[in-house]
């Protein structure tokens, strides 16, 4: 059996099918880990969501910011991106959304000593805090009608973590941003959401910012953290983190690595049928 972690799909089913052929993926024996953002921007969000759902126990996917936005749009808490309108209009949309909102924000595999998350683990969180925060968000997302909650957890503030001083909704907004939107942090751990380019570009104009995984106290050393979300960072290994989003929907690549082995080989498929990343 092999376990493969795969970067953001964002509605790009054809590259995924090519990649699975390359991996010689066997759903009866192998497992796939998707780093979130199954939908949005690409041309096949509906088909992609149907396919990943059809994999059943052969696949794990964590929730990304675009997945959460799709759920929020379904419940009337957010305006939908135009790329997901066919999905929301489909007869099986309610079943697909229900399946999607049952996905975790953080997947833990103790055997492989690995974590799967969409954006990252907030600076200052230990393993126990990360798990408890994820489970709290999952409970909110899975309530009978999460529309009111979704309307309350969008926003950029607070940008710092303080479990004891922050109110419940403030705390949950921070959790959601850390798991699904985080890229850069200040040296003191405050989150920053404006900068989205690669570190070598951002440090020229904002030298005070660091990628979240370079901020002291950001990682649990005994775990390898697999994450997506950051297409301008691309496929990147640094210490115990592996960034998987290599910009498929922007004309880059769709990447996969083995989770249950010493990280080495990267498998990928080119996605030249899509457009360039905006600058």
Protein backbone atom coordinates (compact mmCIF):
# COMPACT_ATOMS: atom_id res chain seq x y z
CA UNK A 1 0.00 0.00 0.00
CA UNK A 2 1.16 3.53 -0.79
CA UNK A 3 -0.08 6.87 0.56
CA UNK A 4 0.29 9.88 -1.72
CA UNK A 5 -0.22 13.51 -0.73
CA UNK A 6 -1.47 15.69 -3.59
CA UNK A 7 -1.62 19.47 -3.95
CA UNK A 8 -4.59 21.77 -4.60
CA UNK A 9 -6.90 20.54 -7.38
CA UNK A 10 -9.15 23.63 -7.66
CA UNK A 11 -11.54 22.03 -10.09
CA UNK A 12 -8.89 20.49 -12.37
CA UNK A 13 -9.95 16.87 -12.77
CA UNK A 14 -8.07 15.95 -15.96
CA UNK A 15 -4.59 16.62 -14.48
CA UNK A 16 -5.57 14.53 -11.46
CA UNK A 17 -6.54 11.59 -13.65
CA UNK A 18 -3.22 11.87 -15.52
CA UNK A 19 -1.34 11.97 -12.23
CA UNK A 20 -3.15 8.92 -10.90
CA UNK A 21 -2.23 7.03 -14.07
CA UNK A 22 1.39 8.03 -13.50
CA UNK A 23 1.21 6.78 -9.91
CA UNK A 24 -0.53 3.58 -11.02
CA UNK A 25 -2.98 4.31 -8.25
CA UNK A 26 -4.95 1.30 -7.00
CA UNK A 27 -7.97 2.40 -4.92
CA UNK A 28 -8.18 -1.05 -3.39
CA UNK A 29 -4.69 -0.79 -1.93
CA UNK A 30 -3.46 2.83 -2.05
CA UNK A 31 -4.60 5.99 -0.30
CA UNK A 32 -4.68 9.61 -1.42
CA UNK A 33 -4.33 12.70 0.76
CA UNK A 34 -5.68 15.90 -0.79
CA UNK A 35 -4.41 19.17 0.68
CA UNK A 36 -7.77 20.94 0.28
CA UNK A 37 -9.21 23.36 -2.27
CA UNK A 38 -10.81 20.62 -4.32
CA UNK A 39 -12.93 23.25 -6.06
CA UNK A 40 -13.03 26.78 -7.52
CA UNK A 41 -11.31 28.63 -10.37
CA UNK A 42 -10.79 25.53 -12.51
CA UNK A 43 -13.30 24.32 -15.13
CA UNK A 44 -14.38 21.05 -13.47
CA UNK A 45 -15.28 21.76 -9.85
CA UNK A 46 -18.44 19.66 -10.04
CA UNK A 47 -16.72 16.69 -11.68
CA UNK A 48 -13.72 16.94 -9.35
CA UNK A 49 -15.86 16.91 -6.23
CA UNK A 50 -17.87 13.98 -7.53
CA UNK A 51 -14.71 12.03 -8.32
CA UNK A 52 -12.97 12.60 -4.98
CA UNK A 53 -16.17 11.73 -3.14
CA UNK A 54 -16.46 8.52 -5.18
CA UNK A 55 -13.05 7.37 -3.89
CA UNK A 56 -14.62 6.73 -0.49
CA UNK A 57 -12.16 5.48 2.12
CA UNK A 58 -9.35 5.53 -0.45
CA UNK A 59 -9.04 9.31 -0.06
CA UNK A 60 -8.70 11.89 2.69
CA UNK A 61 -9.17 15.59 2.02
CA UNK A 62 -8.85 18.50 4.41
CA UNK A 63 -10.89 21.66 4.00
CA UNK A 64 -9.29 24.60 2.19
CA UNK A 65 -10.43 28.19 1.95
CA UNK A 66 -12.15 27.62 -1.41
CA UNK A 67 -13.96 24.57 -0.04
CA UNK A 68 -15.20 26.59 2.93
CA UNK A 69 -16.28 29.40 0.57
CA UNK A 70 -18.28 26.92 -1.50
CA UNK A 71 -20.04 25.65 1.61
CA UNK A 72 -20.71 29.23 2.72
CA UNK A 73 -22.15 30.07 -0.72
CA UNK A 74 -24.43 27.04 -0.56
CA UNK A 75 -25.82 28.29 2.76
CA UNK A 76 -26.21 31.87 1.54
CA UNK A 77 -23.39 33.24 3.70
CA UNK A 78 -21.13 34.27 0.80
CA UNK A 79 -21.40 35.14 -2.88
CA UNK A 80 -20.20 32.16 -4.96
CA UNK A 81 -17.25 32.30 -7.32
CA UNK A 82 -18.51 32.01 -10.89
CA UNK A 83 -16.53 28.80 -11.44
CA UNK A 84 -18.67 26.90 -8.90
CA UNK A 85 -22.08 28.01 -10.20
CA UNK A 86 -22.57 24.79 -12.22
CA UNK A 87 -21.79 22.80 -9.08
CA UNK A 88 -24.29 24.71 -6.96
CA UNK A 89 -26.94 24.22 -9.66
CA UNK A 90 -26.41 20.46 -9.95
CA UNK A 91 -29.07 18.05 -8.70
CA UNK A 92 -26.57 16.38 -6.40
CA UNK A 93 -25.19 19.64 -5.00
CA UNK A 94 -26.80 19.18 -1.55
CA UNK A 95 -25.25 15.72 -1.21
CA UNK A 96 -21.85 16.96 -2.39
CA UNK A 97 -21.89 19.92 0.01
CA UNK A 98 -22.96 17.65 2.86
CA UNK A 99 -20.05 15.32 2.09
CA UNK A 100 -17.62 18.23 1.81
CA UNK A 101 -18.53 19.81 5.12
CA UNK A 102 -17.80 16.51 6.87
CA UNK A 103 -14.13 16.77 5.85
CA UNK A 104 -11.59 17.63 8.59
CA UNK A 105 -9.49 20.76 8.92
CA UNK A 106 -6.53 18.69 10.10
CA UNK A 107 -5.71 15.06 9.36
CA UNK A 108 -3.33 13.21 11.68
CA UNK A 109 -1.56 9.94 10.88
CA UNK A 110 0.38 8.73 13.90
CA UNK A 111 1.79 5.73 12.05
CA UNK A 112 3.41 7.97 9.42
CA UNK A 113 4.03 10.76 11.97
CA UNK A 114 2.44 13.16 9.50
CA UNK A 115 -0.09 15.98 9.47
CA UNK A 116 -2.16 17.15 6.50
CA UNK A 117 -3.54 20.71 6.52
CA UNK A 118 -4.49 23.21 3.85
CA UNK A 119 -2.51 26.32 4.84
CA UNK A 120 -0.51 25.52 7.95
CA UNK A 121 -0.18 25.23 11.72
CA UNK A 122 -0.30 28.53 13.58
CA UNK A 123 2.86 29.73 15.35
CA UNK A 124 2.69 28.92 19.03
CA UNK A 125 0.33 25.98 18.64
CA UNK A 126 1.54 22.67 19.96
CA UNK A 127 0.16 19.43 18.62
CA UNK A 128 -2.64 19.21 21.15
CA UNK A 129 -3.78 22.77 20.51
CA UNK A 130 -3.83 22.23 16.73
CA UNK A 131 -5.94 19.09 17.08
CA UNK A 132 -8.40 20.64 19.55
CA UNK A 133 -8.80 23.75 17.37
CA UNK A 134 -9.48 21.63 14.29
CA UNK A 135 -12.07 19.54 16.09
CA UNK A 136 -13.82 22.65 17.41
CA UNK A 137 -14.12 24.06 13.88
CA UNK A 138 -15.33 20.73 12.54
CA UNK A 139 -18.09 20.59 15.13
CA UNK A 140 -19.28 24.05 14.07
CA UNK A 141 -19.11 23.21 10.37
CA UNK A 142 -21.10 20.00 10.85
CA UNK A 143 -24.02 21.49 12.79
CA UNK A 144 -27.43 21.14 11.15
CA UNK A 145 -27.36 24.66 9.71
CA UNK A 146 -23.93 26.36 9.81
CA UNK A 147 -25.07 29.50 7.96
CA UNK A 148 -25.07 31.79 11.01
CA UNK A 149 -21.67 30.53 12.11
CA UNK A 150 -20.18 30.97 8.62
CA UNK A 151 -21.36 34.58 8.49
CA UNK A 152 -19.52 35.27 11.77
CA UNK A 153 -16.13 33.67 11.07
CA UNK A 154 -15.05 35.57 7.96
CA UNK A 155 -12.54 38.40 8.48
CA UNK A 156 -8.84 39.11 9.06
CA UNK A 157 -9.02 39.89 12.77
CA UNK A 158 -7.83 38.87 15.23
CA UNK A 159 -4.38 38.27 13.77
CA UNK A 160 -2.86 36.87 16.95
CA UNK A 161 -3.62 33.87 19.14
CA UNK A 162 -4.70 34.20 22.75
CA UNK A 163 -6.91 31.37 23.89
CA UNK A 164 -7.83 33.04 27.17
CA UNK A 165 -8.48 36.63 26.06
CA UNK A 166 -10.20 36.10 22.73
CA UNK A 167 -13.94 35.57 22.64
CA UNK A 168 -15.27 32.35 21.12
CA UNK A 169 -16.04 33.68 17.64
CA UNK A 170 -12.77 35.65 17.55
CA UNK A 171 -10.87 32.52 18.49
CA UNK A 172 -12.63 30.49 15.82
CA UNK A 173 -12.00 33.14 13.17
CA UNK A 174 -8.29 32.96 13.94
CA UNK A 175 -8.37 29.14 13.82
CA UNK A 176 -10.10 29.13 10.45
CA UNK A 177 -7.63 31.64 9.01
CA UNK A 178 -4.63 29.70 10.30
CA UNK A 179 -5.82 26.37 8.90
CA UNK A 180 -7.06 27.68 5.53
CA UNK A 181 -5.59 31.11 4.64
CA UNK A 182 -2.21 31.63 6.35
CA UNK A 183 0.99 32.23 4.40
CA UNK A 184 3.07 34.91 6.10
CA UNK A 185 3.53 35.94 9.71
CA UNK A 186 5.32 38.70 11.55
CA UNK A 187 8.19 37.71 13.83
CA UNK A 188 5.85 37.80 16.84
CA UNK A 189 3.49 35.34 15.16
CA UNK A 190 0.80 37.78 14.00
CA UNK A 191 -0.83 36.61 10.77
CA UNK A 192 -0.57 38.68 7.56
CA UNK A 193 -2.93 38.16 4.64
CA UNK A 194 -2.01 40.75 2.00
CA UNK A 195 1.19 39.19 0.67
CA UNK A 196 0.78 36.15 -1.57
CA UNK A 197 3.94 36.06 -3.70
CA UNK A 198 6.99 33.84 -3.17
CA UNK A 199 9.30 34.57 -0.21
CA UNK A 200 12.18 35.77 -2.38
CA UNK A 201 9.92 38.47 -3.79
CA UNK A 202 8.18 39.47 -0.57
CA UNK A 203 11.35 39.83 1.49
CA UNK A 204 12.52 42.65 -0.82
CA UNK A 205 9.61 44.88 0.17
CA UNK A 206 8.49 43.37 3.49
CA UNK A 207 11.62 42.00 5.21
CA UNK A 208 9.73 41.79 8.50
CA UNK A 209 7.54 38.95 7.18
CA UNK A 210 8.37 35.26 7.32
CA UNK A 211 6.64 32.18 5.93
CA UNK A 212 4.58 30.69 8.76
CA UNK A 213 6.86 27.65 8.99
CA UNK A 214 9.93 29.83 9.63
CA UNK A 215 8.45 31.56 12.68
CA UNK A 216 9.79 30.25 15.97
CA UNK A 217 7.44 27.82 17.64
CA UNK A 218 5.50 27.12 14.45
CA UNK A 219 6.08 23.39 14.18
CA UNK A 220 5.83 20.12 16.04
CA UNK A 221 9.25 18.64 15.09
CA UNK A 222 8.26 14.98 15.28
CA UNK A 223 5.62 15.40 12.56
CA UNK A 224 6.02 16.01 8.84
CA UNK A 225 3.48 18.66 7.82
CA UNK A 226 2.02 18.43 4.30
CA UNK A 227 0.19 21.55 3.15
CA UNK A 228 -1.06 23.36 0.04
CA UNK A 229 -2.61 26.79 -0.53
CA UNK A 230 0.58 28.61 -1.64
CA UNK A 231 0.94 28.29 -5.40
CA UNK A 232 3.63 30.98 -5.67
CA UNK A 233 5.76 29.08 -3.16
CA UNK A 234 5.29 25.99 -5.27
CA UNK A 235 6.55 22.55 -4.38
CA UNK A 236 8.92 23.16 -1.49
CA UNK A 237 10.64 21.11 1.21
CA UNK A 238 12.06 22.79 4.28
CA UNK A 239 12.77 21.00 7.52
CA UNK A 240 9.69 19.01 8.43
CA UNK A 241 7.28 20.75 6.04
CA UNK A 242 6.40 19.93 2.44
CA UNK A 243 4.44 22.42 0.34
CA UNK A 244 2.38 20.66 -2.33
CA UNK A 245 0.59 23.40 -4.29
CA UNK A 246 2.53 23.77 -7.53
CA UNK A 247 -0.06 25.93 -9.27
CA UNK A 248 -2.05 23.46 -11.33
CA UNK A 249 -4.97 25.81 -12.03
CA UNK A 250 -2.50 28.55 -13.06
CA UNK A 251 -0.79 26.42 -15.72
CA UNK A 252 1.83 24.98 -13.38
CA UNK A 253 1.91 21.39 -12.19
CA UNK A 254 -0.08 19.00 -10.03
CA UNK A 255 2.30 17.33 -7.57
CA UNK A 256 2.28 14.20 -5.42
CA UNK A 257 4.72 12.74 -2.90
CA UNK A 258 4.76 9.55 -0.84
CA UNK A 259 3.67 10.05 2.75
CA UNK A 260 4.49 6.57 4.02
CA UNK A 261 8.15 6.67 2.94
CA UNK A 262 11.15 8.94 3.33
CA UNK A 263 10.17 11.96 1.19
CA UNK A 264 12.14 11.78 -1.99
CA UNK A 265 10.58 11.45 -5.40
CA UNK A 266 8.00 13.95 -6.54
CA UNK A 267 5.52 12.84 -9.18
CA UNK A 268 3.84 15.56 -11.19
CA UNK A 269 1.87 16.29 -14.31
CA UNK A 270 2.09 19.53 -16.28
CA UNK A 271 -1.10 21.59 -16.46
CA UNK A 272 -0.44 23.64 -19.57
CA UNK A 273 -4.14 23.66 -20.50
CA UNK A 274 -4.67 26.34 -17.84
CA UNK A 275 -3.63 29.97 -17.66
CA UNK A 276 -0.67 31.69 -16.05
CA UNK A 277 -0.66 32.78 -12.43
CA UNK A 278 -1.57 36.48 -12.16
CA UNK A 279 1.28 38.75 -11.06
